[in-house]
């Protein structure tokens, strides 16, 4: 956030698209930074940016590559712009840490709706008073999910989760032993219909990797074959 406004960084190699996005989002009350390609987006990325909107196909550095590098340093949500509605493109975006996607061509109303939704979901919840440390922790075997920092704590070391990874793990931990189908997980996190089974499976794979879990014999996130995922 900058000057009291949420800051959004837009990266697209088409000037017309950048200009349209800047006008729409500026009028909606956001502070806008623009980059003409993935490399420029990486150079402009900073801690004050609340949301990244990256076109997938850009010169010098693709949106996926830029997003992956940004995700290593910053936790702000990433939304990809793509000309393809196919599941494989979306899965690739989720694999590098994306929180949402927008398919071109899009309407101004859809863009604003999605931006507001992702910023609302990622905003920290205000609390009347600071909670005790233990209230921030959800136990999972020999590790914890810290809901304040949205990180996994294992043997005193913290591993950051993306916002989407955090929401999936939090959902499972708050509903222990309940089996969630892929569609139920997606609708719970995104508040919309699922884009395909593979998208959630990629997120589960990423979470398991950060947990140090073996997908063939998982200790933390269990698989109910043909039904979904759960934790004990």
C-alpha atoms as a PDB file:
ATOM      1  CA  UNK A   1       0.000   0.000   0.000  1.00  0.00           C
ATOM      2  CA  UNK A   2       1.194   3.507  -0.807  1.00  0.00           C
ATOM      3  CA  UNK A   3      -0.317   6.872   0.155  1.00  0.00           C
ATOM      4  CA  UNK A   4      -3.292   5.076   1.686  1.00  0.00           C
ATOM      5  CA  UNK A   5      -4.125   3.290  -1.579  1.00  0.00           C
ATOM      6  CA  UNK A   6      -3.613  -0.329  -2.555  1.00  0.00           C
ATOM      7  CA  UNK A   7      -0.782  -0.547  -5.090  1.00  0.00           C
ATOM      8  CA  UNK A   8      -1.034  -2.764  -8.170  1.00  0.00           C
ATOM      9  CA  UNK A   9       1.802  -3.537 -10.573  1.00  0.00           C
ATOM     10  CA  UNK A  10       0.669  -4.273 -14.138  1.00  0.00           C
ATOM     11  CA  UNK A  11       2.967  -5.949 -16.667  1.00  0.00           C
ATOM     12  CA  UNK A  12       1.923  -6.361 -20.296  1.00  0.00           C
ATOM     13  CA  UNK A  13       3.930  -5.858 -23.490  1.00  0.00           C
ATOM     14  CA  UNK A  14       0.900  -4.328 -25.236  1.00  0.00           C
ATOM     15  CA  UNK A  15       0.725  -0.611 -24.443  1.00  0.00           C
ATOM     16  CA  UNK A  16      -2.983  -0.496 -25.212  1.00  0.00           C
ATOM     17  CA  UNK A  17      -3.679  -3.190 -22.607  1.00  0.00           C
ATOM     18  CA  UNK A  18      -1.490  -1.422 -20.046  1.00  0.00           C
ATOM     19  CA  UNK A  19      -3.273   1.863 -20.650  1.00  0.00           C
ATOM     20  CA  UNK A  20      -6.728   0.287 -20.357  1.00  0.00           C
ATOM     21  CA  UNK A  21      -5.820  -1.511 -17.142  1.00  0.00           C
ATOM     22  CA  UNK A  22      -4.275   1.619 -15.679  1.00  0.00           C
ATOM     23  CA  UNK A  23      -7.363   3.715 -16.422  1.00  0.00           C
ATOM     24  CA  UNK A  24      -9.802   1.115 -15.056  1.00  0.00           C
ATOM     25  CA  UNK A  25      -7.868   0.424 -11.879  1.00  0.00           C
ATOM     26  CA  UNK A  26      -6.934   4.056 -11.227  1.00  0.00           C
ATOM     27  CA  UNK A  27     -10.590   5.046 -11.456  1.00  0.00           C
ATOM     28  CA  UNK A  28     -11.368   2.239  -8.996  1.00  0.00           C
ATOM     29  CA  UNK A  29      -9.064   3.906  -6.479  1.00  0.00           C
ATOM     30  CA  UNK A  30      -5.802   1.971  -6.830  1.00  0.00           C
ATOM     31  CA  UNK A  31      -2.249   3.250  -7.217  1.00  0.00           C
ATOM     32  CA  UNK A  32      -0.802   1.771 -10.422  1.00  0.00           C
ATOM     33  CA  UNK A  33       2.710   0.864 -11.579  1.00  0.00           C
ATOM     34  CA  UNK A  34       3.240  -0.280 -15.169  1.00  0.00           C
ATOM     35  CA  UNK A  35       5.902  -2.501 -16.726  1.00  0.00           C
ATOM     36  CA  UNK A  36       6.334  -3.319 -20.414  1.00  0.00           C
ATOM     37  CA  UNK A  37       7.663  -6.849 -19.896  1.00  0.00           C
ATOM     38  CA  UNK A  38       8.503  -9.437 -17.265  1.00  0.00           C
ATOM     39  CA  UNK A  39      12.011  -8.150 -16.613  1.00  0.00           C
ATOM     40  CA  UNK A  40      10.743  -4.623 -15.999  1.00  0.00           C
ATOM     41  CA  UNK A  41       8.091  -6.031 -13.645  1.00  0.00           C
ATOM     42  CA  UNK A  42      10.775  -7.838 -11.679  1.00  0.00           C
ATOM     43  CA  UNK A  43      12.777  -4.631 -11.362  1.00  0.00           C
ATOM     44  CA  UNK A  44       9.724  -2.660 -10.173  1.00  0.00           C
ATOM     45  CA  UNK A  45       8.522  -5.294  -7.687  1.00  0.00           C
ATOM     46  CA  UNK A  46       8.638  -4.068  -4.099  1.00  0.00           C
ATOM     47  CA  UNK A  47       7.258  -4.629  -0.625  1.00  0.00           C
ATOM     48  CA  UNK A  48       4.615  -1.898  -1.057  1.00  0.00           C
ATOM     49  CA  UNK A  49       2.914  -3.672  -3.969  1.00  0.00           C
ATOM     50  CA  UNK A  50      -0.362  -5.310  -2.908  1.00  0.00           C
ATOM     51  CA  UNK A  51      -1.141  -7.139  -6.166  1.00  0.00           C
ATOM     52  CA  UNK A  52       0.668  -8.148  -9.360  1.00  0.00           C
ATOM     53  CA  UNK A  53      -1.167  -8.524 -12.683  1.00  0.00           C
ATOM     54  CA  UNK A  54       1.171 -10.204 -15.169  1.00  0.00           C
ATOM     55  CA  UNK A  55       0.556 -11.090 -18.796  1.00  0.00           C
ATOM     56  CA  UNK A  56       1.712 -14.633 -19.531  1.00  0.00           C
ATOM     57  CA  UNK A  57       3.394 -14.016 -22.884  1.00  0.00           C
ATOM     58  CA  UNK A  58       5.933 -11.189 -22.660  1.00  0.00           C
ATOM     59  CA  UNK A  59       9.419 -10.644 -24.135  1.00  0.00           C
ATOM     60  CA  UNK A  60      12.692 -10.812 -22.158  1.00  0.00           C
ATOM     61  CA  UNK A  61      10.961 -12.590 -19.282  1.00  0.00           C
ATOM     62  CA  UNK A  62       7.591 -14.324 -19.445  1.00  0.00           C
ATOM     63  CA  UNK A  63       4.861 -13.669 -16.931  1.00  0.00           C
ATOM     64  CA  UNK A  64       5.350 -17.140 -15.452  1.00  0.00           C
ATOM     65  CA  UNK A  65       9.103 -16.605 -15.031  1.00  0.00           C
ATOM     66  CA  UNK A  66       8.618 -13.133 -13.561  1.00  0.00           C
ATOM     67  CA  UNK A  67       5.911 -14.414 -11.239  1.00  0.00           C
ATOM     68  CA  UNK A  68       8.118 -17.230  -9.979  1.00  0.00           C
ATOM     69  CA  UNK A  69      10.920 -14.784  -9.151  1.00  0.00           C
ATOM     70  CA  UNK A  70       8.544 -12.298  -7.514  1.00  0.00           C
ATOM     71  CA  UNK A  71       7.054 -15.083  -5.398  1.00  0.00           C
ATOM     72  CA  UNK A  72      10.523 -15.877  -3.985  1.00  0.00           C
ATOM     73  CA  UNK A  73      10.683 -12.401  -2.414  1.00  0.00           C
ATOM     74  CA  UNK A  74       7.115 -11.193  -1.911  1.00  0.00           C
ATOM     75  CA  UNK A  75       3.839 -12.704  -0.712  1.00  0.00           C
ATOM     76  CA  UNK A  76       1.430 -10.322  -2.484  1.00  0.00           C
ATOM     77  CA  UNK A  77      -1.174 -12.046  -4.689  1.00  0.00           C
ATOM     78  CA  UNK A  78      -0.302 -12.667  -8.338  1.00  0.00           C
ATOM     79  CA  UNK A  79      -2.910 -12.687 -11.107  1.00  0.00           C
ATOM     80  CA  UNK A  80      -2.001 -13.845 -14.606  1.00  0.00           C
ATOM     81  CA  UNK A  81      -3.506 -12.491 -17.815  1.00  0.00           C
ATOM     82  CA  UNK A  82      -3.767 -15.197 -20.445  1.00  0.00           C
ATOM     83  CA  UNK A  83      -5.210 -15.440 -23.938  1.00  0.00           C
ATOM     84  CA  UNK A  84      -5.903 -19.137 -23.387  1.00  0.00           C
ATOM     85  CA  UNK A  85      -8.712 -20.600 -21.309  1.00  0.00           C
ATOM     86  CA  UNK A  86      -7.213 -24.097 -21.352  1.00  0.00           C
ATOM     87  CA  UNK A  87      -6.562 -25.835 -18.060  1.00  0.00           C
ATOM     88  CA  UNK A  88      -2.847 -26.389 -18.758  1.00  0.00           C
ATOM     89  CA  UNK A  89      -2.125 -22.651 -18.858  1.00  0.00           C
ATOM     90  CA  UNK A  90      -3.958 -22.110 -15.592  1.00  0.00           C
ATOM     91  CA  UNK A  91      -2.214 -25.028 -13.920  1.00  0.00           C
ATOM     92  CA  UNK A  92       1.168 -23.628 -14.971  1.00  0.00           C
ATOM     93  CA  UNK A  93       0.256 -20.304 -13.387  1.00  0.00           C
ATOM     94  CA  UNK A  94      -0.848 -21.911 -10.139  1.00  0.00           C
ATOM     95  CA  UNK A  95       2.338 -23.997 -10.085  1.00  0.00           C
ATOM     96  CA  UNK A  96       4.528 -20.879  -9.914  1.00  0.00           C
ATOM     97  CA  UNK A  97       2.474 -19.324  -7.129  1.00  0.00           C
ATOM     98  CA  UNK A  98      -0.427 -17.529  -8.821  1.00  0.00           C
ATOM     99  CA  UNK A  99      -3.594 -16.769  -6.871  1.00  0.00           C
ATOM    100  CA  UNK A 100      -5.923 -16.192  -9.813  1.00  0.00           C
ATOM    101  CA  UNK A 101      -6.090 -15.717 -13.581  1.00  0.00           C
ATOM    102  CA  UNK A 102      -8.011 -13.549 -16.036  1.00  0.00           C
ATOM    103  CA  UNK A 103      -8.663 -14.721 -19.584  1.00  0.00           C
ATOM    104  CA  UNK A 104      -8.456 -12.210 -22.430  1.00  0.00           C
ATOM    105  CA  UNK A 105     -10.614 -10.607 -23.661  1.00  0.00           C
ATOM    106  CA  UNK A 106     -12.108  -9.508 -20.360  1.00  0.00           C
ATOM    107  CA  UNK A 107     -14.652  -6.875 -19.393  1.00  0.00           C
ATOM    108  CA  UNK A 108     -13.805  -3.958 -17.171  1.00  0.00           C
ATOM    109  CA  UNK A 109     -16.440  -5.125 -14.685  1.00  0.00           C
ATOM    110  CA  UNK A 110     -14.910  -8.608 -14.491  1.00  0.00           C
ATOM    111  CA  UNK A 111     -11.433  -7.173 -13.951  1.00  0.00           C
ATOM    112  CA  UNK A 112     -12.515  -4.897 -11.085  1.00  0.00           C
ATOM    113  CA  UNK A 113     -14.575  -7.696  -9.514  1.00  0.00           C
ATOM    114  CA  UNK A 114     -11.650 -10.120  -9.523  1.00  0.00           C
ATOM    115  CA  UNK A 115      -9.162  -7.532  -8.254  1.00  0.00           C
ATOM    116  CA  UNK A 116     -11.455  -6.544  -5.380  1.00  0.00           C
ATOM    117  CA  UNK A 117     -12.088 -10.201  -4.535  1.00  0.00           C
ATOM    118  CA  UNK A 118      -8.413 -11.198  -4.437  1.00  0.00           C
ATOM    119  CA  UNK A 119      -7.447  -8.142  -2.378  1.00  0.00           C
ATOM    120  CA  UNK A 120     -10.329  -8.772   0.008  1.00  0.00           C
ATOM    121  CA  UNK A 121      -9.346 -12.423   0.457  1.00  0.00           C
ATOM    122  CA  UNK A 122      -5.692 -11.579   1.035  1.00  0.00           C
ATOM    123  CA  UNK A 123      -6.281  -8.695   3.449  1.00  0.00           C
ATOM    124  CA  UNK A 124      -5.330  -9.491   7.061  1.00  0.00           C
ATOM    125  CA  UNK A 125      -8.306  -9.731   9.365  1.00  0.00           C
ATOM    126  CA  UNK A 126      -8.495  -6.970  11.934  1.00  0.00           C
ATOM    127  CA  UNK A 127      -8.792  -8.080  15.521  1.00  0.00           C
ATOM    128  CA  UNK A 128      -9.928  -6.134  18.554  1.00  0.00           C
ATOM    129  CA  UNK A 129      -6.808  -7.092  20.447  1.00  0.00           C
ATOM    130  CA  UNK A 130      -3.597  -8.928  19.726  1.00  0.00           C
ATOM    131  CA  UNK A 131      -4.194 -12.678  20.188  1.00  0.00           C
ATOM    132  CA  UNK A 132      -1.974 -14.870  22.269  1.00  0.00           C
ATOM    133  CA  UNK A 133       0.756 -16.617  20.294  1.00  0.00           C
ATOM    134  CA  UNK A 134      -0.849 -20.044  20.790  1.00  0.00           C
ATOM    135  CA  UNK A 135      -4.075 -18.836  19.189  1.00  0.00           C
ATOM    136  CA  UNK A 136      -2.189 -18.198  15.949  1.00  0.00           C
ATOM    137  CA  UNK A 137      -0.980 -21.786  15.700  1.00  0.00           C
ATOM    138  CA  UNK A 138      -2.737 -24.800  14.220  1.00  0.00           C
ATOM    139  CA  UNK A 139      -0.964 -28.077  14.983  1.00  0.00           C
ATOM    140  CA  UNK A 140      -0.255 -30.596  12.246  1.00  0.00           C
ATOM    141  CA  UNK A 141       1.774 -33.498  13.578  1.00  0.00           C
ATOM    142  CA  UNK A 142       5.217 -32.205  14.525  1.00  0.00           C
ATOM    143  CA  UNK A 143       4.705 -28.808  12.876  1.00  0.00           C
ATOM    144  CA  UNK A 144       2.406 -25.806  13.067  1.00  0.00           C
ATOM    145  CA  UNK A 145       0.594 -23.502  10.703  1.00  0.00           C
ATOM    146  CA  UNK A 146       1.065 -19.932  11.916  1.00  0.00           C
ATOM    147  CA  UNK A 147      -2.109 -18.157  10.814  1.00  0.00           C
ATOM    148  CA  UNK A 148      -0.643 -14.731  11.610  1.00  0.00           C
ATOM    149  CA  UNK A 149       2.388 -15.029   9.334  1.00  0.00           C
ATOM    150  CA  UNK A 150       0.805 -17.606   6.987  1.00  0.00           C
ATOM    151  CA  UNK A 151       3.853 -19.831   7.361  1.00  0.00           C
ATOM    152  CA  UNK A 152       4.663 -23.406   8.339  1.00  0.00           C
ATOM    153  CA  UNK A 153       6.748 -23.690  11.506  1.00  0.00           C
ATOM    154  CA  UNK A 154       8.845 -26.854  11.728  1.00  0.00           C
ATOM    155  CA  UNK A 155      11.705 -27.372  14.168  1.00  0.00           C
ATOM    156  CA  UNK A 156      11.799 -23.625  14.801  1.00  0.00           C
ATOM    157  CA  UNK A 157      12.131 -22.723  11.128  1.00  0.00           C
ATOM    158  CA  UNK A 158       9.437 -20.923   9.128  1.00  0.00           C
ATOM    159  CA  UNK A 159       8.506 -21.733   5.531  1.00  0.00           C
ATOM    160  CA  UNK A 160       6.298 -19.138   3.826  1.00  0.00           C
ATOM    161  CA  UNK A 161       3.158 -20.224   1.986  1.00  0.00           C
ATOM    162  CA  UNK A 162       1.449 -18.376  -0.818  1.00  0.00           C
ATOM    163  CA  UNK A 163      -1.939 -17.001   0.158  1.00  0.00           C
ATOM    164  CA  UNK A 164      -3.721 -19.769  -1.761  1.00  0.00           C
ATOM    165  CA  UNK A 165      -1.582 -22.517  -0.233  1.00  0.00           C
ATOM    166  CA  UNK A 166      -2.279 -21.069   3.209  1.00  0.00           C
ATOM    167  CA  UNK A 167      -6.051 -20.981   2.663  1.00  0.00           C
ATOM    168  CA  UNK A 168      -6.120 -24.603   1.478  1.00  0.00           C
ATOM    169  CA  UNK A 169      -4.091 -25.848   4.441  1.00  0.00           C
ATOM    170  CA  UNK A 170      -6.102 -23.717   6.875  1.00  0.00           C
ATOM    171  CA  UNK A 171      -9.331 -25.149   5.436  1.00  0.00           C
ATOM    172  CA  UNK A 172      -8.150 -28.728   5.991  1.00  0.00           C
ATOM    173  CA  UNK A 173      -6.811 -28.039   9.493  1.00  0.00           C
ATOM    174  CA  UNK A 174     -10.013 -26.333  10.616  1.00  0.00           C
ATOM    175  CA  UNK A 175     -12.040 -29.315   9.386  1.00  0.00           C
ATOM    176  CA  UNK A 176      -9.961 -32.299  10.521  1.00  0.00           C
ATOM    177  CA  UNK A 177     -10.970 -35.727   9.227  1.00  0.00           C
ATOM    178  CA  UNK A 178     -13.417 -34.165   6.775  1.00  0.00           C
ATOM    179  CA  UNK A 179     -12.672 -35.179   3.210  1.00  0.00           C
ATOM    180  CA  UNK A 180     -12.791 -32.287   0.755  1.00  0.00           C
ATOM    181  CA  UNK A 181     -13.201 -32.988  -2.935  1.00  0.00           C
ATOM    182  CA  UNK A 182     -11.127 -30.992  -5.399  1.00  0.00           C
ATOM    183  CA  UNK A 183     -14.218 -29.009  -6.339  1.00  0.00           C
ATOM    184  CA  UNK A 184     -15.036 -28.243  -2.689  1.00  0.00           C
ATOM    185  CA  UNK A 185     -11.494 -27.029  -2.006  1.00  0.00           C
ATOM    186  CA  UNK A 186     -11.551 -24.764  -5.038  1.00  0.00           C
ATOM    187  CA  UNK A 187     -14.968 -23.269  -4.295  1.00  0.00           C
ATOM    188  CA  UNK A 188     -14.027 -22.719  -0.626  1.00  0.00           C
ATOM    189  CA  UNK A 189     -10.866 -20.785  -1.536  1.00  0.00           C
ATOM    190  CA  UNK A 190     -11.966 -18.942  -4.686  1.00  0.00           C
ATOM    191  CA  UNK A 191     -15.725 -18.686  -4.080  1.00  0.00           C
ATOM    192  CA  UNK A 192     -16.394 -19.861  -7.627  1.00  0.00           C
ATOM    193  CA  UNK A 193     -16.625 -23.034  -9.679  1.00  0.00           C
ATOM    194  CA  UNK A 194     -13.483 -25.120 -10.147  1.00  0.00           C
ATOM    195  CA  UNK A 195     -11.296 -24.634 -13.231  1.00  0.00           C
ATOM    196  CA  UNK A 196     -10.243 -28.284 -13.221  1.00  0.00           C
ATOM    197  CA  UNK A 197      -8.877 -30.988 -10.968  1.00  0.00           C
ATOM    198  CA  UNK A 198      -5.253 -30.362 -11.919  1.00  0.00           C
ATOM    199  CA  UNK A 199      -5.186 -26.832 -10.492  1.00  0.00           C
ATOM    200  CA  UNK A 200      -5.893 -28.008  -6.931  1.00  0.00           C
ATOM    201  CA  UNK A 201      -3.597 -31.017  -7.332  1.00  0.00           C
ATOM    202  CA  UNK A 202      -0.729 -28.650  -8.172  1.00  0.00           C
ATOM    203  CA  UNK A 203      -1.400 -26.633  -5.010  1.00  0.00           C
ATOM    204  CA  UNK A 204      -1.532 -29.795  -2.877  1.00  0.00           C
ATOM    205  CA  UNK A 205       1.760 -30.930  -4.405  1.00  0.00           C
ATOM    206  CA  UNK A 206       3.365 -27.555  -3.598  1.00  0.00           C
ATOM    207  CA  UNK A 207       2.057 -27.616  -0.014  1.00  0.00           C
ATOM    208  CA  UNK A 208       3.294 -31.165   0.522  1.00  0.00           C
ATOM    209  CA  UNK A 209       6.729 -30.190  -0.735  1.00  0.00           C
ATOM    210  CA  UNK A 210       6.907 -27.335   1.774  1.00  0.00           C
ATOM    211  CA  UNK A 211       5.683 -29.657   4.534  1.00  0.00           C
ATOM    212  CA  UNK A 212       8.379 -32.168   3.635  1.00  0.00           C
ATOM    213  CA  UNK A 213       5.647 -34.703   2.923  1.00  0.00           C
ATOM    214  CA  UNK A 214       5.987 -37.806   0.738  1.00  0.00           C
ATOM    215  CA  UNK A 215       3.095 -37.876  -1.731  1.00  0.00           C
ATOM    216  CA  UNK A 216       3.342 -41.678  -1.978  1.00  0.00           C
ATOM    217  CA  UNK A 217       3.092 -42.112   1.785  1.00  0.00           C
ATOM    218  CA  UNK A 218       1.883 -38.762   3.176  1.00  0.00           C
ATOM    219  CA  UNK A 219       2.070 -37.997   6.895  1.00  0.00           C
ATOM    220  CA  UNK A 220       0.251 -34.687   6.861  1.00  0.00           C
ATOM    221  CA  UNK A 221      -2.191 -34.247   3.976  1.00  0.00           C
ATOM    222  CA  UNK A 222      -3.869 -37.596   3.368  1.00  0.00           C
ATOM    223  CA  UNK A 223      -5.462 -38.715   0.104  1.00  0.00           C
ATOM    224  CA  UNK A 224      -8.863 -40.395   0.064  1.00  0.00           C
ATOM    225  CA  UNK A 225      -8.599 -41.963  -3.360  1.00  0.00           C
ATOM    226  CA  UNK A 226     -11.395 -40.924  -5.674  1.00  0.00           C
ATOM    227  CA  UNK A 227     -12.818 -38.583  -3.031  1.00  0.00           C
ATOM    228  CA  UNK A 228     -10.325 -35.841  -2.118  1.00  0.00           C
ATOM    229  CA  UNK A 229      -7.931 -34.764   0.655  1.00  0.00           C
ATOM    230  CA  UNK A 230      -8.021 -34.464   4.444  1.00  0.00           C
ATOM    231  CA  UNK A 231      -5.852 -34.169   7.555  1.00  0.00           C
ATOM    232  CA  UNK A 232      -6.226 -36.223  10.747  1.00  0.00           C
END
